N, C-alpha and C. Protein backbone atom coordinates (compact mmCIF):
# COMPACT_ATOMS: atom_id res chain seq x y z
N MET A 1 -0.57 65.79 16.08
CA MET A 1 -0.72 66.65 14.94
C MET A 1 0.62 66.85 14.24
N ALA A 2 1.69 67.00 15.02
CA ALA A 2 3.00 67.24 14.42
C ALA A 2 3.43 66.08 13.53
N LYS A 3 3.01 64.87 13.87
CA LYS A 3 3.37 63.71 13.04
C LYS A 3 2.74 63.77 11.66
N LYS A 4 1.64 64.46 11.53
CA LYS A 4 0.91 64.54 10.27
C LYS A 4 1.36 65.69 9.38
N ILE A 5 2.18 66.62 9.91
CA ILE A 5 2.60 67.80 9.15
C ILE A 5 4.08 67.65 8.80
N PRO A 6 4.39 67.53 7.51
CA PRO A 6 5.79 67.39 7.12
C PRO A 6 6.63 68.57 7.62
N GLY A 7 7.76 68.26 8.24
CA GLY A 7 8.67 69.30 8.72
C GLY A 7 8.31 69.87 10.08
N ALA A 8 7.16 69.45 10.63
CA ALA A 8 6.76 69.97 11.93
C ALA A 8 7.50 69.24 13.05
N ARG A 9 7.57 69.88 14.20
CA ARG A 9 8.11 69.22 15.38
C ARG A 9 7.36 69.74 16.60
N LEU A 10 7.23 68.90 17.58
CA LEU A 10 6.54 69.25 18.82
C LEU A 10 7.56 69.73 19.84
N GLU A 11 7.31 70.89 20.39
CA GLU A 11 8.16 71.43 21.45
C GLU A 11 7.26 71.73 22.65
N VAL A 12 7.62 71.23 23.81
CA VAL A 12 6.87 71.50 25.03
C VAL A 12 7.68 72.51 25.85
N ILE A 13 7.05 73.63 26.16
CA ILE A 13 7.71 74.68 26.93
C ILE A 13 7.16 74.62 28.35
N ALA A 14 8.02 74.25 29.29
CA ALA A 14 7.61 74.11 30.69
C ALA A 14 7.07 75.43 31.23
N GLY A 15 5.99 75.35 31.96
CA GLY A 15 5.41 76.52 32.59
C GLY A 15 4.58 77.38 31.67
N ALA A 16 4.33 76.89 30.46
CA ALA A 16 3.54 77.67 29.50
C ALA A 16 2.23 76.96 29.22
N GLY A 17 1.20 77.75 28.99
CA GLY A 17 -0.11 77.22 28.62
C GLY A 17 -0.36 77.45 27.15
N HIS A 18 -1.58 77.81 26.81
CA HIS A 18 -1.96 78.03 25.42
C HIS A 18 -1.33 79.30 24.84
N SER A 19 -0.87 80.18 25.67
CA SER A 19 -0.21 81.41 25.21
C SER A 19 1.26 81.36 25.58
N ALA A 20 1.96 80.40 25.01
CA ALA A 20 3.36 80.20 25.37
C ALA A 20 4.20 81.45 25.12
N ASN A 21 3.87 82.21 24.08
CA ASN A 21 4.63 83.42 23.79
C ASN A 21 4.48 84.47 24.88
N LEU A 22 3.39 84.42 25.63
CA LEU A 22 3.18 85.36 26.73
C LEU A 22 3.63 84.77 28.07
N ASP A 23 3.39 83.46 28.24
CA ASP A 23 3.73 82.80 29.50
C ASP A 23 5.24 82.64 29.69
N GLN A 24 5.93 82.28 28.64
CA GLN A 24 7.38 82.02 28.68
C GLN A 24 8.03 82.61 27.42
N PRO A 25 8.06 83.93 27.30
CA PRO A 25 8.51 84.53 26.05
C PRO A 25 9.95 84.19 25.64
N GLU A 26 10.86 84.09 26.60
CA GLU A 26 12.25 83.78 26.25
C GLU A 26 12.36 82.38 25.67
N ALA A 27 11.72 81.41 26.31
CA ALA A 27 11.75 80.03 25.82
C ALA A 27 11.04 79.93 24.48
N PHE A 28 9.91 80.60 24.34
CA PHE A 28 9.16 80.58 23.08
C PHE A 28 10.03 81.13 21.95
N ASN A 29 10.65 82.27 22.17
CA ASN A 29 11.49 82.87 21.13
C ASN A 29 12.67 81.98 20.78
N ARG A 30 13.27 81.33 21.77
CA ARG A 30 14.39 80.42 21.51
C ARG A 30 13.94 79.26 20.61
N VAL A 31 12.78 78.67 20.92
CA VAL A 31 12.26 77.56 20.12
C VAL A 31 11.90 78.03 18.72
N LEU A 32 11.19 79.15 18.62
CA LEU A 32 10.77 79.67 17.32
C LEU A 32 11.98 80.02 16.44
N LEU A 33 12.95 80.72 17.00
CA LEU A 33 14.12 81.09 16.21
C LEU A 33 14.92 79.86 15.79
N GLY A 34 15.00 78.86 16.65
CA GLY A 34 15.67 77.61 16.28
C GLY A 34 14.98 76.93 15.11
N PHE A 35 13.65 76.93 15.13
CA PHE A 35 12.87 76.34 14.03
C PHE A 35 13.10 77.13 12.75
N LEU A 36 13.01 78.44 12.82
CA LEU A 36 13.19 79.27 11.62
C LEU A 36 14.60 79.16 11.06
N ASP A 37 15.59 79.11 11.94
CA ASP A 37 16.98 78.98 11.48
C ASP A 37 17.22 77.66 10.76
N ALA A 38 16.45 76.63 11.08
CA ALA A 38 16.62 75.31 10.48
C ALA A 38 15.95 75.20 9.11
N LEU A 39 15.13 76.18 8.74
CA LEU A 39 14.47 76.13 7.44
C LEU A 39 15.46 76.41 6.32
N PRO A 40 15.24 75.77 5.17
CA PRO A 40 16.12 76.07 4.04
C PRO A 40 15.89 77.50 3.55
N PRO A 41 16.91 78.11 2.98
CA PRO A 41 16.75 79.47 2.47
C PRO A 41 15.67 79.54 1.39
N ALA A 42 15.00 80.68 1.35
CA ALA A 42 13.93 80.85 0.35
C ALA A 42 14.49 81.18 -1.00
């Protein structure tokens, strides 16, 4: 799916299932903030 969405990237968080934000919150936040920081300014 990520290949079909421009600007998307696939991140696999070890030890997390479908609720990665609950299963591995620190890793999830690190990945999410890294993605958001890479976006161009609005």
